[in-house]
Amino acid sequence: MAERSTAAVDVADNSGDDPLAAQAEKAATDGEAHAEEAAEQDTQNEGGERKTREQPAINTPELHSGHKLAKRYRLEECVTRLDGFSSWRAVDEKLRRAVGVHILPADHSRARSVLAAARSAALLADPRFVQVLDAVEENDLVYVVHEWLPDAAELTTLLAAGPMEAHDAYQLVSQLSQAMAAAHREGLAHLRLTPGAVLRTSTGQYRIRGLAVNAALRGISAERPQRTDTEAIGALLYAALTQRWPYESDAYGLSGLPKGVGLIAPDQVRAGVHRGLSELAMRALVNDGATASRQEPPCTTPDELAKAVSAMPRIRPPEPTFTPPPDYQRTTYQQGTYGRKPNQAGPPAPQPVVPPPAPLESRTGKALKWTVAALLIAALGLGSWQVADKLLDNRNPSGGDPKSPTQTEGGNGKDDKGPISPGKPLKISTATEFKPGGSGIQEDQVPLAVDGKTDTAWITPEYLGYPNFGNLPQRKDGSGIVVDLGSVQTVTGFDIAMSTGGQTIEVLAADENASSPTSLGDFSQRLSQSEKVGEQVKKTLERPMRTRYVLIHLTELPAAGSDSYRGGISEINVLG
């Protein structure tokens, strides 16, 4: 049997048959192979594939969240369990960063090849690939540690949103072909270059994960690895241009091509596809139908594909959309209403045109003109000084310090229209952790935020990757502390000490008729806007507010390390 693409099979059976016979056989087996692939396609996590059908029983290590490898890598979440190995999201406690880990028993039939592939890939210090950080055999386990990129999006996710613009597809094929050409020069192949193996970072750079390792984990090999990887890049470009998978079976969330029509060019699948990129995809997808009736030769290696991309005219990014400014609104004077009488309809009455006075051309006329101008300037200056002096007298009639507030008849030292008095701290009956997701994070530390001491605090755990509590689903509404005043009180302000600056908070209050509020919607009254604050937050309300429950709501935490976030509250005072 001839070589088959990695997009079609897991383990290639290579017997060295004639290439044309191999291509014919490949077309006949694509449907079955891609159906199998669709059943085990990559998840949208860092871990690769998730098992979706029953597999033969293999002695899989009994691991769980919280388990540590090498007293350093703490397992957090299993994202794949397949063919006797598992893949995890983990935390490197030594460097305090998120990592990915592949684990399999040391006696697994692929353990030796996985270790060899990981150690070879680790030597390729190319930033276009997700780096292998560690490859270890320990305690009857073999595990491979690699980078985890929380800010990157899988190509699977990007394609689900629709076809790419020509410039984005051009960047995709350009970066992937150059990266894989560099890998093959070092003797490394991927053999499983699927949409789940390609990530795009927030800066627009594409990163390839699983170089050599993904194939070793699944026992994949190929007689012509360069051709296999080139064809895979062609399939990714085809999908980027059309949002269709270039085979008959659906895969990776994409619909396949119609049955029985064979492989048709992207510009025949979807209108508006860039002709040069369409041609390039067909040249990379090497088989009988791909290059038929095409003048250009096929690309059989990533290096050939990279050269073909560089030979194309550069595709520039689309021009930014121009938003015209709003129509200019003419003033009443400009619209000509000044010539109308009140309640008069129709166009304004014509105004008589007064001819300008004849210029004074004589020497006496010029002297008179300059004299009048000087007198006008002097009069304006004198008038301005008198107006300013009058304003100052009105602002400070007593002649005292202009900065002192005006005394009212009541003698309370403030203007009747000024802000309300901040008041004194109200007694707090109890304080509880705000847990909209149903579970708390540091409930035993809540009393430290209302004990009258600023050197003690309620502190959150460290969250990795994102300041919004790690972007965890159960923390989408943040956290914080709810204080119970014991009964409905008149609140005039608050004074809060934070454990550290840089936290994003808002202060809310429940309706005075509320009883035991727990969700964010229960706190309908706003005492402050959501904003990033320093270590001290103090505010006097513009008007008093009646409530029993006040929520100090944390939504984002400041950085506590290179990729971790933590915050907290030291002391809460509600004023009234």
Protein backbone atom coordinates (compact mmCIF):
# COMPACT_ATOMS: atom_id res chain seq x y z
CA MET A 1 0.00 0.00 0.00
CA ALA A 2 1.38 3.44 -0.87
CA GLU A 3 1.86 6.34 1.52
CA ARG A 4 -1.27 8.11 2.70
CA SER A 5 -1.51 11.65 4.05
CA THR A 6 -1.42 12.15 7.82
CA ALA A 7 -4.72 13.97 7.43
CA ALA A 8 -6.16 10.64 6.33
CA VAL A 9 -4.57 7.95 8.53
CA ASP A 10 -2.87 7.56 11.88
CA VAL A 11 -0.32 4.92 10.90
CA ALA A 12 0.91 4.86 7.30
CA ASP A 13 1.64 1.51 5.66
CA ASN A 14 4.53 2.13 3.28
CA SER A 15 5.52 -0.56 0.80
CA GLY A 16 7.12 1.57 -1.91
CA ASP A 17 4.49 1.07 -4.67
CA ASP A 18 4.38 3.20 -7.77
CA PRO A 19 3.38 6.84 -6.91
CA LEU A 20 0.57 6.95 -9.47
CA ALA A 21 -0.96 3.80 -8.04
CA ALA A 22 -0.55 5.25 -4.58
CA GLN A 23 -2.43 8.40 -5.59
CA ALA A 24 -5.29 6.37 -7.05
CA GLU A 25 -5.51 4.28 -3.89
CA LYS A 26 -5.43 7.41 -1.76
CA ALA A 27 -8.51 8.84 -3.52
CA ALA A 28 -10.36 5.57 -2.87
CA THR A 29 -9.49 5.47 0.85
CA ASP A 30 -9.91 9.16 1.74
CA GLY A 31 -13.55 8.77 2.79
CA GLU A 32 -12.94 6.03 5.34
CA ALA A 33 -9.72 7.54 6.62
CA HIS A 34 -11.16 11.03 7.08
CA ALA A 35 -14.23 9.67 8.81
CA GLU A 36 -11.88 8.05 11.33
CA GLU A 37 -9.96 11.31 11.62
CA ALA A 38 -13.13 13.33 12.26
CA ALA A 39 -13.97 11.04 15.17
CA GLU A 40 -10.68 11.93 16.87
CA GLN A 41 -10.04 15.52 15.78
CA ASP A 42 -8.18 18.03 17.91
CA THR A 43 -9.97 19.81 20.73
CA GLN A 44 -9.71 23.58 21.14
CA ASN A 45 -7.34 23.13 24.06
CA GLU A 46 -3.56 22.90 24.28
CA GLY A 47 -3.71 19.14 24.72
CA GLY A 48 -4.24 17.90 21.16
CA GLU A 49 -6.97 15.25 20.75
CA ARG A 50 -9.83 14.09 22.90
CA LYS A 51 -11.06 10.50 22.76
CA THR A 52 -14.56 10.30 21.31
CA ARG A 53 -14.85 6.56 20.68
CA GLU A 54 -13.94 3.39 22.56
CA GLN A 55 -10.24 2.43 22.43
CA PRO A 56 -8.51 -0.84 23.35
CA ALA A 57 -7.72 -1.02 27.06
CA ILE A 58 -4.14 0.05 27.80
CA ASN A 59 -2.48 0.36 31.19
CA THR A 60 -2.96 4.13 31.65
CA PRO A 61 -1.41 5.77 34.74
CA GLU A 62 -3.92 6.70 37.43
CA LEU A 63 -3.42 10.45 37.62
CA HIS A 64 -5.62 13.21 38.97
CA SER A 65 -5.74 16.99 39.34
CA GLY A 66 -3.22 18.10 41.95
CA HIS A 67 -0.75 15.30 41.20
CA LYS A 68 2.86 16.57 40.92
CA LEU A 69 5.56 15.40 38.57
CA ALA A 70 9.19 15.91 39.60
CA LYS A 71 7.86 17.86 42.62
CA ARG A 72 7.35 20.72 40.18
CA TYR A 73 4.62 20.22 37.57
CA ARG A 74 1.16 20.24 39.20
CA LEU A 75 -1.53 18.71 37.00
CA GLU A 76 -4.64 20.89 36.69
CA GLU A 77 -6.96 19.57 33.97
CA CYS A 78 -6.91 16.51 31.69
CA VAL A 79 -7.64 17.61 28.12
CA THR A 80 -6.95 14.31 26.31
CA ARG A 81 -7.02 10.62 27.20
CA LEU A 82 -6.29 8.44 24.17
CA ASP A 83 -4.39 5.27 23.20
CA GLY A 84 -2.78 4.84 26.61
CA PHE A 85 -1.50 8.42 27.00
CA SER A 86 -3.04 11.55 28.46
CA SER A 87 -2.45 15.27 27.98
CA TRP A 88 -2.86 17.84 30.73
CA ARG A 89 -2.88 21.52 31.45
CA ALA A 90 -0.47 21.96 34.35
CA VAL A 91 1.43 24.54 36.39
CA ASP A 92 5.20 24.78 36.66
CA GLU A 93 5.38 25.77 40.34
CA LYS A 94 9.07 26.58 40.12
CA LEU A 95 8.68 29.18 37.36
CA ARG A 96 5.01 29.95 38.18
CA ARG A 97 3.68 29.53 34.67
CA ALA A 98 1.18 27.35 32.82
CA VAL A 99 2.53 24.41 30.80
CA GLY A 100 1.18 21.45 28.87
CA VAL A 101 2.18 17.85 29.71
CA HIS A 102 1.87 14.59 27.74
CA ILE A 103 2.09 11.48 29.98
CA LEU A 104 2.32 7.77 29.15
CA PRO A 105 3.58 4.63 30.95
CA ALA A 106 7.27 3.89 30.62
CA ASP A 107 6.41 0.41 29.32
CA HIS A 108 4.15 1.81 26.57
CA SER A 109 5.17 0.65 23.11
CA ARG A 110 5.66 4.26 21.98
CA ALA A 111 7.41 5.59 25.10
CA ARG A 112 10.93 5.37 23.64
CA SER A 113 9.94 7.04 20.35
CA VAL A 114 8.07 9.82 22.19
CA LEU A 115 11.12 10.58 24.35
CA ALA A 116 13.39 10.63 21.28
CA ALA A 117 11.02 12.85 19.30
CA ALA A 118 10.60 15.31 22.20
CA ARG A 119 14.35 15.60 22.80
CA SER A 120 14.98 16.16 19.08
CA ALA A 121 12.25 18.81 18.87
CA ALA A 122 13.65 20.56 21.96
CA LEU A 123 16.91 21.19 20.08
CA LEU A 124 15.09 23.27 17.43
CA ALA A 125 15.09 26.69 19.06
CA ASP A 126 12.68 28.22 16.54
CA PRO A 127 10.04 30.64 17.93
CA ARG A 128 7.60 29.53 15.22
CA PHE A 129 7.11 26.26 17.11
CA VAL A 130 5.64 25.65 20.55
CA GLN A 131 8.77 24.73 22.49
CA VAL A 132 9.39 21.43 24.27
CA LEU A 133 10.59 22.37 27.76
CA ASP A 134 11.33 18.97 29.32
CA ALA A 135 11.28 15.26 28.44
CA VAL A 136 11.68 12.89 31.40
CA GLU A 137 11.37 9.22 32.35
CA GLU A 138 10.61 8.93 36.06
CA ASN A 139 8.69 6.56 38.38
CA ASP A 140 7.49 4.30 35.56
CA LEU A 141 6.22 7.33 33.64
CA VAL A 142 7.38 9.17 30.56
CA TYR A 143 6.23 12.77 30.28
CA VAL A 144 6.87 15.63 27.87
CA VAL A 145 6.41 19.24 29.04
CA HIS A 146 5.73 21.98 26.48
CA GLU A 147 4.74 25.63 26.34
CA TRP A 148 1.15 26.70 26.99
CA LEU A 149 -0.06 29.77 25.10
CA PRO A 150 -3.22 31.11 26.78
CA ASP A 151 -3.48 34.14 24.48
CA ALA A 152 -3.36 32.10 21.25
CA ALA A 153 -6.34 30.86 19.23
CA GLU A 154 -6.47 27.55 17.38
CA LEU A 155 -6.90 27.60 13.63
CA THR A 156 -9.97 25.42 14.27
CA THR A 157 -11.58 28.33 16.09
CA LEU A 158 -10.56 30.88 13.46
CA LEU A 159 -11.98 28.80 10.61
CA ALA A 160 -15.26 28.30 12.47
CA ALA A 161 -15.82 32.07 12.16
CA GLY A 162 -15.61 31.99 8.35
CA PRO A 163 -13.09 32.03 5.46
CA MET A 164 -9.99 34.16 5.87
CA GLU A 165 -9.21 37.33 3.97
CA ALA A 166 -6.60 36.89 1.26
CA HIS A 167 -3.91 38.64 3.33
CA ASP A 168 -4.52 36.42 6.37
CA ALA A 169 -4.44 33.25 4.24
CA TYR A 170 -1.24 34.48 2.61
CA GLN A 171 0.36 34.97 6.04
CA LEU A 172 -0.79 31.50 7.09
CA VAL A 173 0.75 29.60 4.18
CA SER A 174 3.87 31.78 4.19
CA GLN A 175 4.65 31.31 7.88
CA LEU A 176 3.77 27.60 7.99
CA SER A 177 5.77 26.68 4.89
CA GLN A 178 8.85 28.59 6.06
CA ALA A 179 8.65 27.07 9.55
CA MET A 180 8.29 23.50 8.28
CA ALA A 181 11.06 24.03 5.73
CA ALA A 182 13.37 25.00 8.62
CA ALA A 183 12.28 21.94 10.61
CA HIS A 184 12.90 19.54 7.73
CA ARG A 185 16.38 20.99 7.23
CA GLU A 186 17.07 19.77 10.78
CA GLY A 187 15.60 16.35 10.00
CA LEU A 188 12.30 16.92 11.86
CA ALA A 189 8.82 16.31 10.48
CA HIS A 190 5.38 16.97 11.93
CA LEU A 191 3.20 14.38 10.12
CA ARG A 192 0.08 15.55 11.94
CA LEU A 193 -0.30 19.18 10.87
CA THR A 194 -4.04 19.67 11.46
CA PRO A 195 -6.04 22.85 12.31
CA GLY A 196 -5.68 21.92 15.99
CA ALA A 197 -1.88 21.97 15.70
CA VAL A 198 -1.73 25.58 14.43
CA LEU A 199 -2.15 28.54 16.81
CA ARG A 200 -2.31 32.26 16.05
CA THR A 201 -1.09 34.61 18.77
CA SER A 202 -2.50 38.04 19.53
CA THR A 203 0.34 39.59 17.46
CA GLY A 204 -0.68 37.63 14.34
CA GLN A 205 2.19 35.12 14.47
CA TYR A 206 1.39 31.48 13.73
CA ARG A 207 2.87 28.86 16.08
CA ILE A 208 3.00 25.12 15.34
CA ARG A 209 2.68 22.70 18.24
CA GLY A 210 3.44 19.00 18.46
CA LEU A 211 6.41 18.94 16.07
CA ALA A 212 7.47 15.25 15.88
CA VAL A 213 5.84 14.55 19.28
CA ASN A 214 2.20 14.36 18.12
CA ALA A 215 3.11 11.80 15.47
CA ALA A 216 5.19 9.76 17.94
CA LEU A 217 2.32 9.72 20.45
CA ARG A 218 0.05 8.20 17.81
CA GLY A 219 2.62 5.96 16.11
CA ILE A 220 2.46 7.86 12.79
CA SER A 221 5.24 7.50 10.24
CA ALA A 222 5.56 8.35 6.57
CA GLU A 223 7.78 7.25 3.71
CA ARG A 224 7.86 10.81 2.34
CA PRO A 225 7.52 13.10 5.36
CA GLN A 226 8.17 16.29 3.38
CA ARG A 227 5.36 15.50 0.97
CA THR A 228 3.05 14.63 3.88
CA ASP A 229 3.67 17.96 5.64
CA THR A 230 3.39 19.93 2.38
CA GLU A 231 0.06 18.35 1.57
CA ALA A 232 -1.14 19.15 5.09
CA ILE A 233 -0.22 22.83 4.63
CA GLY A 234 -2.10 22.80 1.33
CA ALA A 235 -5.18 21.41 3.10
CA LEU A 236 -4.97 24.18 5.73
CA LEU A 237 -4.67 26.86 3.03
CA TYR A 238 -7.63 25.32 1.16
CA ALA A 239 -9.72 25.42 4.35
CA ALA A 240 -8.68 29.01 5.05
CA LEU A 241 -9.82 30.13 1.58
CA THR A 242 -13.09 28.20 1.41
CA GLN A 243 -14.03 27.15 4.97
CA ARG A 244 -14.29 23.63 3.50
CA TRP A 245 -12.11 20.57 4.11
CA PRO A 246 -10.55 19.43 0.79
CA TYR A 247 -11.80 15.84 1.08
CA GLU A 248 -15.24 14.30 0.93
CA SER A 249 -15.63 13.69 4.67
CA ASP A 250 -16.32 16.43 7.20
CA ALA A 251 -13.48 17.11 9.64
CA TYR A 252 -12.40 19.67 12.26
CA GLY A 253 -15.80 21.33 12.23
CA LEU A 254 -15.63 21.92 8.45
CA SER A 255 -17.83 20.45 5.74
CA GLY A 256 -16.15 18.24 3.16
CA LEU A 257 -16.44 18.55 -0.60
CA PRO A 258 -19.46 17.16 -2.47
CA LYS A 259 -19.35 13.42 -3.06
CA GLY A 260 -17.98 12.20 -6.36
CA VAL A 261 -16.71 15.51 -7.77
CA GLY A 262 -13.11 15.11 -6.68
CA LEU A 263 -10.84 17.92 -5.62
CA ILE A 264 -11.87 21.24 -7.18
CA ALA A 265 -9.96 24.49 -6.96
CA PRO A 266 -10.84 26.89 -4.11
CA ASP A 267 -11.80 29.67 -6.55
CA GLN A 268 -14.44 27.29 -7.96
CA VAL A 269 -15.81 26.50 -4.49
CA ARG A 270 -16.27 30.06 -3.32
CA ALA A 271 -16.55 33.33 -5.21
CA GLY A 272 -13.94 36.01 -4.63
CA VAL A 273 -11.07 33.66 -3.69
CA HIS A 274 -7.64 35.02 -4.59
CA ARG A 275 -6.59 33.22 -7.81
CA GLY A 276 -2.90 32.99 -6.90
CA LEU A 277 -3.61 31.46 -3.48
CA SER A 278 -6.11 29.05 -5.05
CA GLU A 279 -3.43 27.89 -7.47
CA LEU A 280 -0.95 27.54 -4.61
CA ALA A 281 -3.31 25.32 -2.59
CA MET A 282 -3.78 23.02 -5.56
CA ARG A 283 -0.03 22.78 -6.13
CA ALA A 284 0.49 21.74 -2.50
CA LEU A 285 -2.30 19.14 -2.54
CA VAL A 286 -0.33 16.62 -4.59
CA ASN A 287 -2.55 14.01 -6.29
CA ASP A 288 -3.99 13.20 -9.69
CA GLY A 289 -6.83 15.70 -9.57
CA ALA A 290 -4.98 18.50 -7.84
CA THR A 291 -2.62 19.52 -10.63
CA ALA A 292 -4.58 18.36 -13.64
CA SER A 293 -4.89 21.09 -16.26
CA ARG A 294 -2.53 23.29 -14.25
CA GLN A 295 0.54 24.78 -15.83
CA GLU A 296 2.64 25.12 -12.68
CA PRO A 297 4.40 22.04 -11.26
CA PRO A 298 3.28 20.65 -7.89
CA CYS A 299 5.05 21.55 -4.65
CA THR A 300 6.24 18.39 -2.91
CA THR A 301 8.33 19.88 -0.06
CA PRO A 302 7.77 22.77 2.35
CA ASP A 303 10.82 24.50 0.90
CA GLU A 304 9.35 24.38 -2.62
CA LEU A 305 6.08 25.70 -1.25
CA ALA A 306 7.85 28.53 0.61
CA LYS A 307 9.66 29.53 -2.58
CA ALA A 308 6.39 29.49 -4.52
CA VAL A 309 4.83 31.78 -1.92
CA SER A 310 7.75 34.21 -2.04
CA ALA A 311 7.53 34.30 -5.86
CA MET A 312 3.93 35.54 -5.68
CA PRO A 313 3.15 39.26 -5.73
CA ARG A 314 2.85 40.35 -2.12
CA ILE A 315 -0.73 40.52 -0.89
CA ARG A 316 -1.28 43.64 1.15
CA PRO A 317 -3.70 43.86 4.06
CA PRO A 318 -7.11 45.38 3.31
CA GLU A 319 -7.47 49.10 3.69
CA PRO A 320 -9.06 50.15 6.98
CA THR A 321 -12.73 51.03 6.70
CA PHE A 322 -13.22 54.79 6.56
CA THR A 323 -16.08 56.11 8.65
CA PRO A 324 -17.20 59.53 7.35
CA PRO A 325 -17.69 62.22 9.97
CA PRO A 326 -21.26 63.21 10.83
CA ASP A 327 -22.87 65.90 8.72
CA TYR A 328 -21.94 69.40 9.77
CA GLN A 329 -24.79 70.98 11.72
CA ARG A 330 -25.23 74.59 10.71
CA THR A 331 -26.05 77.08 13.43
CA THR A 332 -29.23 79.12 13.45
CA TYR A 333 -27.31 82.14 12.28
CA GLN A 334 -25.73 80.19 9.38
CA GLN A 335 -29.09 78.72 8.38
CA GLY A 336 -30.44 82.24 7.86
CA THR A 337 -33.18 82.28 10.54
CA TYR A 338 -31.85 85.58 11.86
CA GLY A 339 -33.83 87.40 9.16
CA ARG A 340 -37.21 86.01 10.26
CA LYS A 341 -39.66 87.50 12.66
CA PRO A 342 -40.99 85.30 15.48
CA ASN A 343 -43.45 82.66 14.21
CA GLN A 344 -42.70 83.68 10.64
CA ALA A 345 -42.60 80.80 8.12
CA GLY A 346 -40.78 80.65 4.83
CA PRO A 347 -37.37 82.00 3.81
CA PRO A 348 -35.82 84.87 5.76
CA ALA A 349 -36.55 88.41 4.70
CA PRO A 350 -33.79 89.93 2.62
CA GLN A 351 -31.56 92.32 4.51
CA PRO A 352 -30.41 95.62 3.03
CA VAL A 353 -26.80 95.61 1.96
CA VAL A 354 -24.88 98.50 3.47
CA PRO A 355 -21.97 99.56 1.31
CA PRO A 356 -18.64 99.75 3.16
CA PRO A 357 -17.36 103.22 3.93
CA ALA A 358 -14.80 104.66 1.59
CA PRO A 359 -11.23 104.09 2.85
CA LEU A 360 -9.34 107.01 4.30
CA GLU A 361 -6.44 107.26 1.93
CA SER A 362 -5.00 110.53 3.17
CA ARG A 363 -2.24 110.77 5.80
CA THR A 364 -4.70 112.44 8.19
CA GLY A 365 -7.19 109.60 7.73
CA LYS A 366 -4.56 106.95 8.56
CA ALA A 367 -3.52 108.80 11.73
CA LEU A 368 -7.14 109.06 12.81
CA LYS A 369 -7.66 105.33 12.21
CA TRP A 370 -4.71 104.32 14.40
CA THR A 371 -5.78 106.73 17.15
CA VAL A 372 -9.29 105.22 17.26
CA ALA A 373 -7.80 101.69 17.38
CA ALA A 374 -5.56 102.59 20.34
CA LEU A 375 -8.46 104.13 22.26
CA LEU A 376 -10.59 101.00 21.68
CA ILE A 377 -7.80 98.71 22.97
CA ALA A 378 -7.37 100.79 26.09
CA ALA A 379 -11.11 100.83 26.76
CA LEU A 380 -11.33 97.05 26.36
CA GLY A 381 -8.44 96.49 28.77
CA LEU A 382 -9.98 98.80 31.40
CA GLY A 383 -13.37 97.10 31.05
CA SER A 384 -11.87 93.62 31.42
CA TRP A 385 -10.04 94.62 34.59
CA GLN A 386 -13.19 96.08 36.13
CA VAL A 387 -15.22 92.93 35.28
CA ALA A 388 -12.57 90.67 36.84
CA ASP A 389 -12.38 92.83 39.97
CA LYS A 390 -16.16 92.71 40.32
CA LEU A 391 -16.19 88.93 40.01
CA LEU A 392 -13.54 88.57 42.71
CA ASP A 393 -15.52 90.86 45.02
CA ASN A 394 -18.67 88.80 44.48
CA ARG A 395 -16.79 85.54 45.13
CA ASN A 396 -15.17 86.79 48.35
CA PRO A 397 -17.17 89.71 49.75
CA SER A 398 -15.53 89.48 53.16
CA GLY A 399 -12.13 90.15 51.67
CA GLY A 400 -10.69 87.04 53.33
CA ASP A 401 -9.03 84.00 51.84
CA PRO A 402 -10.74 83.28 48.51
CA LYS A 403 -10.21 79.57 49.05
CA SER A 404 -12.30 79.39 52.22
CA PRO A 405 -15.89 78.13 51.74
CA THR A 406 -18.84 80.47 52.04
CA GLN A 407 -20.41 80.28 55.51
CA THR A 408 -24.11 79.58 55.68
CA GLU A 409 -26.50 80.99 58.25
CA GLY A 410 -26.49 77.65 60.02
CA GLY A 411 -22.75 77.97 60.58
CA ASN A 412 -22.03 74.35 59.57
CA GLY A 413 -18.97 75.29 57.50
CA LYS A 414 -20.28 74.10 54.12
CA ASP A 415 -22.44 75.32 51.28
CA ASP A 416 -26.04 74.14 51.31
CA LYS A 417 -25.49 72.78 47.76
CA GLY A 418 -22.17 71.08 48.53
CA PRO A 419 -21.57 67.35 49.03
CA ILE A 420 -23.06 65.51 51.94
CA SER A 421 -20.99 64.82 55.02
CA PRO A 422 -18.92 61.60 54.68
CA GLY A 423 -20.13 60.46 58.11
CA LYS A 424 -18.60 57.89 60.45
CA PRO A 425 -17.95 54.14 59.98
CA LEU A 426 -21.09 52.09 60.43
CA LYS A 427 -21.01 48.90 62.48
CA ILE A 428 -20.64 45.79 60.32
CA SER A 429 -22.67 42.85 61.55
CA THR A 430 -21.16 40.13 59.34
CA ALA A 431 -19.06 39.80 56.20
CA THR A 432 -19.21 36.97 53.66
CA GLU A 433 -17.40 36.13 50.45
CA PHE A 434 -19.20 37.00 47.21
CA LYS A 435 -19.37 33.70 45.30
CA PRO A 436 -21.69 33.99 42.26
CA GLY A 437 -20.33 30.73 40.86
CA GLY A 438 -21.45 28.84 43.95
CA SER A 439 -18.03 28.17 45.48
CA GLY A 440 -15.77 30.38 47.55
CA ILE A 441 -12.04 30.89 47.21
CA GLN A 442 -10.79 32.08 50.64
CA GLU A 443 -13.88 32.16 52.87
CA ASP A 444 -11.92 31.63 56.08
CA GLN A 445 -9.99 34.88 55.52
CA VAL A 446 -13.03 37.17 55.12
CA PRO A 447 -13.01 38.33 58.80
CA LEU A 448 -9.53 39.75 58.22
CA ALA A 449 -11.07 42.42 55.94
CA VAL A 450 -13.33 43.79 58.71
CA ASP A 451 -11.16 43.37 61.83
CA GLY A 452 -10.09 47.03 62.02
CA LYS A 453 -6.49 46.23 61.03
CA THR A 454 -4.98 47.19 57.69
CA ASP A 455 -2.03 44.80 58.13
CA THR A 456 -4.36 41.78 57.76
CA ALA A 457 -6.28 41.00 54.59
CA TRP A 458 -8.50 38.67 52.62
CA ILE A 459 -6.21 37.52 49.77
CA THR A 460 -7.26 35.63 46.64
CA PRO A 461 -5.29 32.62 45.35
CA GLU A 462 -3.02 33.10 42.35
CA TYR A 463 -4.74 32.81 38.97
CA LEU A 464 -2.76 31.98 35.86
CA GLY A 465 -2.89 33.48 32.40
CA TYR A 466 -5.62 36.12 32.78
CA PRO A 467 -6.30 38.95 35.29
CA ASN A 468 -10.07 38.18 35.33
CA PHE A 469 -9.59 35.31 37.79
CA GLY A 470 -7.83 33.11 35.23
CA ASN A 471 -10.77 33.45 32.81
CA LEU A 472 -12.38 30.51 34.63
CA PRO A 473 -16.08 29.92 33.85
CA GLN A 474 -17.05 29.79 37.54
CA ARG A 475 -15.32 33.16 38.07
CA LYS A 476 -16.90 35.06 35.16
CA ASP A 477 -18.61 37.40 37.69
CA GLY A 478 -15.45 37.84 39.74
CA SER A 479 -15.43 37.73 43.53
CA GLY A 480 -15.32 40.10 46.50
CA ILE A 481 -16.87 40.63 49.93
CA VAL A 482 -20.45 41.39 50.98
CA VAL A 483 -20.83 43.28 54.27
CA ASP A 484 -24.09 43.12 56.25
CA LEU A 485 -24.84 46.23 58.32
CA GLY A 486 -27.37 44.32 60.43
CA SER A 487 -30.29 46.53 59.39
CA VAL A 488 -31.12 49.09 56.73
CA GLN A 489 -28.82 52.10 57.21
CA THR A 490 -28.24 55.42 55.48
CA VAL A 491 -24.93 55.10 53.65
CA THR A 492 -23.04 58.27 52.71
CA GLY A 493 -19.72 56.83 51.53
CA PHE A 494 -17.04 54.21 52.00
CA ASP A 495 -13.35 53.92 52.86
CA ILE A 496 -11.64 50.72 51.64
CA ALA A 497 -8.00 49.63 51.96
CA MET A 498 -6.88 47.21 49.23
CA SER A 499 -4.14 44.63 49.77
CA THR A 500 -2.33 45.98 46.69
CA GLY A 501 -2.92 48.60 44.01
CA GLY A 502 -3.97 47.92 40.44
CA GLN A 503 -7.18 46.00 41.16
CA THR A 504 -10.37 46.72 39.22
CA ILE A 505 -13.34 47.07 41.58
CA GLU A 506 -16.83 48.51 41.86
CA VAL A 507 -18.90 49.11 44.98
CA LEU A 508 -22.58 48.13 44.81
CA ALA A 509 -25.47 48.00 47.25
CA ALA A 510 -28.60 45.90 47.46
CA ASP A 511 -32.08 47.40 47.52
CA GLU A 512 -33.25 48.29 51.03
CA ASN A 513 -35.90 45.56 50.76
CA ALA A 514 -33.37 42.86 49.76
CA SER A 515 -32.81 39.81 51.95
CA SER A 516 -29.60 37.73 51.79
CA PRO A 517 -28.49 38.79 48.26
CA THR A 518 -26.13 36.34 46.51
CA SER A 519 -26.06 37.14 42.79
CA LEU A 520 -24.70 40.19 41.01
CA GLY A 521 -28.21 41.18 39.93
CA ASP A 522 -29.28 41.47 43.59
CA PHE A 523 -27.04 44.54 44.01
CA SER A 524 -28.99 47.09 41.98
CA GLN A 525 -27.63 50.31 43.50
CA ARG A 526 -24.27 51.63 42.36
CA LEU A 527 -22.00 53.42 44.81
CA SER A 528 -19.02 53.67 42.40
CA GLN A 529 -18.13 52.93 38.81
CA SER A 530 -15.89 49.99 37.86
CA GLU A 531 -12.32 51.27 37.75
CA LYS A 532 -8.72 50.32 38.49
CA VAL A 533 -7.83 51.67 41.93
CA GLY A 534 -4.83 52.17 44.17
CA GLU A 535 -4.29 50.87 47.69
CA GLN A 536 -6.86 53.25 49.21
CA VAL A 537 -10.38 53.82 47.86
CA LYS A 538 -12.42 56.55 49.57
CA LYS A 539 -15.56 58.24 48.31
CA THR A 540 -18.38 60.44 49.57
CA LEU A 541 -21.67 59.86 47.76
CA GLU A 542 -23.50 62.73 46.07
CA ARG A 543 -26.69 61.65 47.82
CA PRO A 544 -27.36 59.28 50.72
CA MET A 545 -28.42 55.72 49.96
CA ARG A 546 -30.52 53.34 52.04
CA THR A 547 -29.29 49.74 52.17
CA ARG A 548 -28.30 46.88 54.44
CA TYR A 549 -25.89 44.99 52.17
CA VAL A 550 -22.82 46.47 50.42
CA LEU A 551 -20.70 44.53 47.89
CA ILE A 552 -17.04 45.30 47.20
CA HIS A 553 -16.85 43.59 43.80
CA LEU A 554 -13.45 42.57 42.34
CA THR A 555 -13.40 41.91 38.59
CA GLU A 556 -9.70 42.02 37.66
CA LEU A 557 -6.55 41.33 39.68
CA PRO A 558 -3.06 42.85 39.38
CA ALA A 559 -0.04 40.86 38.25
CA ALA A 560 1.71 38.86 40.96
CA GLY A 561 4.33 37.28 38.69
CA SER A 562 5.23 36.75 35.07
CA ASP A 563 1.95 34.97 34.30
CA SER A 564 -0.04 35.01 37.55
CA TYR A 565 -2.53 37.40 39.16
CA ARG A 566 -3.63 37.95 42.78
CA GLY A 567 -5.50 40.61 44.77
CA GLY A 568 -7.40 41.16 47.99
CA ILE A 569 -8.99 43.56 50.49
CA SER A 570 -7.34 44.72 53.73
CA GLU A 571 -10.10 46.70 55.45
CA ILE A 572 -13.67 47.81 54.70
CA ASN A 573 -15.42 50.80 56.25
CA VAL A 574 -18.94 51.78 55.21
CA LEU A 575 -19.70 55.38 56.20
CA GLY A 576 -23.02 56.80 57.28
